[in-house]
Amino acid sequence: MIKKHLLLLIFTAILFSTETKAQFNFFVGDDASELKPTIKGFGSISFPSFMMNLSTIKESNSSSFNTFYSVNFGFNWKQWRFADNKALIKNPTSGIIEIQNAPSTESYADGFFSYTKTKLSMGVIRIRPEFGIVTKNKRFSIGTGPLIEFVVAAKHKRKYYDAQGGKEKSINKGIGYYNINWFQFGWGASIGSYHFGAFSYVMLTPQFKENLGPKVYAAEVGLYWRILSEVYSRKPSPDKFSRL
């Protein structure tokens, strides 16, 4: 039933999407060096993500810039492919998620599109309010705002060769299993034209629950496209003294 609801949500986000983006995912924090991401196989890149963008532009008569306010809502599949083939292993006694080297029985090959990999993936529902300024021709804009995410799915996958050279894989799923904080809050900014540009966000909520996993925070940089974004402009209110 949960999978059906999730698929319905993804389909709705795609159907009504007015913004899409491509992003590179990485971690910051005390243990970030142990979970370095790689772009091999595009394993740490999320594309596309689908967002519904509702924007209001407040026009100004006294400036070459207008102010804008927007709310974005949608679904994103985030992933981190680990450069050093690290494994996230749950300690059976303490329940803590530990960063470990892959077992010696697992062999990992080098190469951009190699079969082998270790990767953490998450499905999130995200809400992103933003406010900023935009030129009247919409060729330049800069904005900032919070990012709110609800984690609805998570899995850690390891694909490797066994001692006989056979292909094997190990997949563990579950937000609770990996002690992931299901609610995440962050902040970021965007710059570019109103319809195309770059963005960066960093989460202020730890990726894993306190003392139950690596001390890292999710971060992302990327590009956005507002394809069918509807803008509802409103003229500034007339000066009440202009009638005198």
Protein backbone atom coordinates (compact mmCIF):
# COMPACT_ATOMS: atom_id res chain seq x y z
CA MET A 1 0.00 0.00 0.00
CA ILE A 2 2.84 2.41 0.87
CA LYS A 3 4.53 1.69 -2.46
CA LYS A 4 1.29 2.45 -4.33
CA HIS A 5 0.92 5.78 -2.53
CA LEU A 6 4.55 6.63 -3.22
CA LEU A 7 4.19 5.83 -6.93
CA LEU A 8 1.05 7.97 -7.07
CA LEU A 9 2.94 10.85 -5.47
CA ILE A 10 5.80 10.54 -7.97
CA PHE A 11 3.39 10.40 -10.91
CA THR A 12 1.52 13.48 -9.64
CA ALA A 13 4.80 15.40 -9.19
CA ILE A 14 5.84 14.56 -12.76
CA LEU A 15 2.44 15.36 -14.22
CA PHE A 16 2.20 18.80 -12.63
CA SER A 17 5.88 19.62 -12.52
CA THR A 18 6.91 23.16 -13.46
CA GLU A 19 10.52 22.92 -12.28
CA THR A 20 13.18 20.27 -12.64
CA LYS A 21 16.81 20.13 -11.61
CA ALA A 22 20.02 18.10 -11.59
CA GLN A 23 22.09 17.99 -8.42
CA PHE A 24 25.33 16.56 -7.03
CA ASN A 25 24.90 15.15 -3.53
CA PHE A 26 27.61 15.10 -0.86
CA PHE A 27 28.05 15.24 2.90
CA VAL A 28 29.60 17.76 5.28
CA GLY A 29 30.44 17.19 8.93
CA ASP A 30 32.86 15.29 11.15
CA ASP A 31 32.59 11.98 9.27
CA ALA A 32 32.16 13.38 5.76
CA SER A 33 35.69 12.39 4.73
CA GLU A 34 34.75 8.74 5.31
CA LEU A 35 31.77 8.99 2.96
CA LYS A 36 33.30 10.85 0.02
CA PRO A 37 30.96 10.73 -3.00
CA THR A 38 31.94 9.97 -6.57
CA ILE A 39 30.34 10.80 -9.90
CA LYS A 40 31.25 7.37 -11.31
CA GLY A 41 28.21 5.92 -12.99
CA PHE A 42 26.49 9.20 -12.12
CA GLY A 43 26.00 7.53 -8.74
CA SER A 44 25.87 10.74 -6.66
CA ILE A 45 23.84 12.77 -9.15
CA SER A 46 20.07 13.12 -8.90
CA PHE A 47 18.34 13.91 -12.20
CA PRO A 48 15.67 14.76 -12.80
CA SER A 49 13.72 15.80 -9.73
CA PHE A 50 10.24 17.17 -10.23
CA MET A 51 8.82 20.20 -8.44
CA MET A 52 5.63 22.21 -8.67
CA ASN A 53 6.58 25.90 -8.56
CA LEU A 54 4.08 28.57 -7.51
CA SER A 55 5.51 32.08 -7.75
CA THR A 56 4.40 35.64 -7.15
CA ILE A 57 6.35 38.64 -8.41
CA LYS A 58 5.75 42.01 -6.79
CA GLU A 59 6.47 44.67 -9.38
CA SER A 60 8.31 47.84 -8.47
CA ASN A 61 7.97 51.23 -10.17
CA SER A 62 11.01 52.74 -8.47
CA SER A 63 13.63 50.04 -9.10
CA SER A 64 14.95 47.88 -11.94
CA PHE A 65 14.38 44.86 -9.69
CA ASN A 66 11.18 43.17 -8.62
CA THR A 67 10.82 40.97 -5.55
CA PHE A 68 9.58 37.40 -5.85
CA TYR A 69 8.18 34.79 -3.52
CA SER A 70 7.78 31.15 -4.46
CA VAL A 71 6.88 27.79 -2.96
CA ASN A 72 8.17 24.57 -4.52
CA PHE A 73 6.74 21.16 -3.69
CA GLY A 74 7.72 17.79 -5.11
CA PHE A 75 9.62 14.53 -4.94
CA ASN A 76 13.36 13.90 -5.16
CA TRP A 77 15.42 10.71 -5.21
CA LYS A 78 18.78 11.47 -3.56
CA GLN A 79 21.80 9.17 -3.81
CA TRP A 80 25.40 9.03 -2.66
CA ARG A 81 27.84 6.59 -4.30
CA PHE A 82 30.85 6.19 -2.02
CA ALA A 83 34.25 6.70 -3.65
CA ASP A 84 36.08 4.31 -1.29
CA ASN A 85 33.37 1.62 -1.41
CA LYS A 86 32.57 2.12 2.25
CA ALA A 87 29.79 0.06 3.79
CA LEU A 88 27.18 1.19 6.32
CA ILE A 89 26.89 -1.68 8.79
CA LYS A 90 24.48 -1.81 11.73
CA ASN A 91 26.13 -2.99 14.95
CA PRO A 92 23.94 -5.89 16.13
CA THR A 93 24.57 -5.05 19.79
CA SER A 94 24.35 -1.26 19.97
CA GLY A 95 22.23 -0.65 16.88
CA ILE A 96 24.65 2.09 15.76
CA ILE A 97 25.29 2.52 12.03
CA GLU A 98 29.06 2.24 11.52
CA ILE A 99 31.23 3.15 8.53
CA GLN A 100 33.32 0.12 7.63
CA ASN A 101 35.53 -1.00 4.79
CA ALA A 102 33.82 -3.52 2.54
CA PRO A 103 34.47 -7.12 3.70
CA SER A 104 37.56 -8.77 2.24
CA THR A 105 35.31 -11.34 0.54
CA GLU A 106 33.88 -8.56 -1.65
CA SER A 107 35.86 -7.38 -4.69
CA TYR A 108 35.26 -3.97 -6.26
CA ALA A 109 36.43 -3.00 -9.74
CA ASP A 110 37.52 0.44 -10.87
CA GLY A 111 35.82 2.11 -13.82
CA PHE A 112 33.19 4.73 -14.53
CA PHE A 113 30.43 2.24 -15.38
CA SER A 114 31.66 -0.77 -13.42
CA TYR A 115 29.16 -3.23 -11.98
CA THR A 116 30.45 -2.79 -8.45
CA LYS A 117 29.37 0.01 -6.14
CA THR A 118 28.32 0.96 -2.63
CA LYS A 119 25.53 3.52 -2.49
CA LEU A 120 23.01 5.09 -0.13
CA SER A 121 19.71 6.24 -1.67
CA MET A 122 16.73 8.12 -0.23
CA GLY A 123 13.34 9.18 -1.52
CA VAL A 124 12.20 12.51 -0.08
CA ILE A 125 9.19 14.78 -0.29
CA ARG A 126 10.49 18.34 -0.26
CA ILE A 127 9.00 21.76 0.32
CA ARG A 128 11.16 24.73 -0.65
CA PRO A 129 9.93 28.30 -0.01
CA GLU A 130 12.15 30.97 -1.57
CA PHE A 131 12.26 34.76 -1.70
CA GLY A 132 14.54 37.12 -3.57
CA ILE A 133 14.90 39.71 -6.31
CA VAL A 134 14.57 39.41 -10.10
CA THR A 135 15.13 41.88 -12.92
CA LYS A 136 12.07 43.03 -14.82
CA ASN A 137 13.12 41.01 -17.88
CA LYS A 138 13.76 37.95 -15.63
CA ARG A 139 17.29 37.52 -16.96
CA PHE A 140 18.84 37.71 -13.49
CA SER A 141 17.55 36.60 -10.12
CA ILE A 142 18.97 35.71 -6.73
CA GLY A 143 17.05 34.06 -3.94
CA THR A 144 17.34 32.27 -0.64
CA GLY A 145 15.14 30.23 1.65
CA PRO A 146 14.66 27.09 3.73
CA LEU A 147 14.41 23.50 2.54
CA ILE A 148 12.12 21.04 4.33
CA GLU A 149 12.36 17.31 3.56
CA PHE A 150 10.39 14.26 4.68
CA VAL A 151 12.29 11.02 4.06
CA VAL A 152 9.86 8.36 2.83
CA ALA A 153 12.27 5.63 1.65
CA ALA A 154 15.91 4.65 2.15
CA LYS A 155 18.22 1.82 1.10
CA HIS A 156 21.90 0.93 1.10
CA LYS A 157 23.12 -1.18 -1.80
CA ARG A 158 26.43 -2.98 -2.30
CA LYS A 159 27.18 -4.66 -5.64
CA TYR A 160 30.42 -6.63 -5.84
CA TYR A 161 32.20 -9.74 -7.12
CA ASP A 162 32.58 -12.73 -4.81
CA ALA A 163 35.71 -14.86 -4.42
CA GLN A 164 34.79 -16.88 -7.52
CA GLY A 165 34.21 -13.78 -9.63
CA GLY A 166 30.43 -14.06 -9.55
CA LYS A 167 28.20 -11.00 -9.35
CA GLU A 168 26.59 -10.45 -5.97
CA LYS A 169 24.64 -7.71 -4.28
CA SER A 170 23.44 -6.81 -0.81
CA ILE A 171 20.50 -4.48 -0.23
CA ASN A 172 19.11 -3.30 3.09
CA LYS A 173 16.10 -1.01 3.21
CA GLY A 174 14.43 1.08 5.87
CA ILE A 175 14.57 4.58 7.34
CA GLY A 176 14.43 3.13 10.85
CA TYR A 177 17.00 0.43 10.11
CA TYR A 178 19.61 3.05 9.20
CA ASN A 179 18.64 5.47 12.00
CA ILE A 180 17.95 8.23 9.47
CA ASN A 181 16.20 11.40 10.64
CA TRP A 182 12.95 11.28 8.69
CA PHE A 183 12.43 15.06 9.06
CA GLN A 184 15.19 17.30 7.73
CA PHE A 185 15.57 21.08 7.63
CA GLY A 186 18.12 23.10 5.68
CA TRP A 187 18.87 26.41 4.00
CA GLY A 188 20.21 27.46 0.64
CA ALA A 189 20.32 29.94 -2.22
CA SER A 190 19.96 30.19 -5.99
CA ILE A 191 21.37 32.50 -8.65
CA GLY A 192 20.87 32.80 -12.40
CA SER A 193 18.02 33.88 -14.60
CA TYR A 194 14.49 33.34 -13.38
CA HIS A 195 14.09 30.24 -15.55
CA PHE A 196 17.61 28.74 -15.41
CA GLY A 197 20.44 28.89 -12.91
CA ALA A 198 22.46 27.28 -10.12
CA PHE A 199 21.60 26.47 -6.52
CA SER A 200 23.18 25.12 -3.35
CA TYR A 201 21.62 23.75 -0.16
CA VAL A 202 22.94 22.29 3.08
CA MET A 203 20.81 20.51 5.66
CA LEU A 204 21.00 21.70 9.27
CA THR A 205 19.48 18.46 10.57
CA PRO A 206 21.96 15.56 10.87
CA GLN A 207 21.48 12.77 8.32
CA PHE A 208 21.47 10.14 11.09
CA LYS A 209 20.01 10.25 14.59
CA GLU A 210 22.36 11.56 17.26
CA ASN A 211 24.89 8.98 18.48
CA LEU A 212 23.31 6.31 16.26
CA GLY A 213 25.21 6.91 13.03
CA PRO A 214 27.90 8.93 11.24
CA LYS A 215 28.02 12.65 12.04
CA VAL A 216 27.20 14.05 8.62
CA TYR A 217 24.82 16.56 7.04
CA ALA A 218 23.47 16.26 3.50
CA ALA A 219 24.39 18.99 1.01
CA GLU A 220 23.80 19.55 -2.69
CA VAL A 221 24.77 21.80 -5.59
CA GLY A 222 23.22 21.80 -9.04
CA LEU A 223 21.24 23.45 -11.81
CA TYR A 224 17.53 24.22 -12.05
CA TRP A 225 15.14 24.72 -14.95
CA ARG A 226 11.75 26.35 -14.50
CA ILE A 227 10.05 25.06 -17.62
CA LEU A 228 6.36 25.90 -17.28
CA SER A 229 6.49 28.12 -14.24
CA GLU A 230 3.40 30.30 -13.88
CA VAL A 231 4.09 33.77 -12.51
CA TYR A 232 1.28 35.83 -11.03
CA SER A 233 2.41 39.45 -10.99
CA ARG A 234 0.71 42.19 -9.03
CA LYS A 235 1.20 45.90 -9.33
CA PRO A 236 2.34 47.85 -6.27
CA SER A 237 -0.38 49.63 -4.34
CA PRO A 238 -0.69 53.31 -5.33
CA ASP A 239 0.70 55.84 -2.89
CA LYS A 240 -2.21 57.09 -0.83
CA PHE A 241 -0.77 60.61 -0.92
CA SER A 242 -0.71 60.70 -4.73
CA ARG A 243 -4.38 61.60 -4.74
CA LEU A 244 -3.78 64.78 -2.75
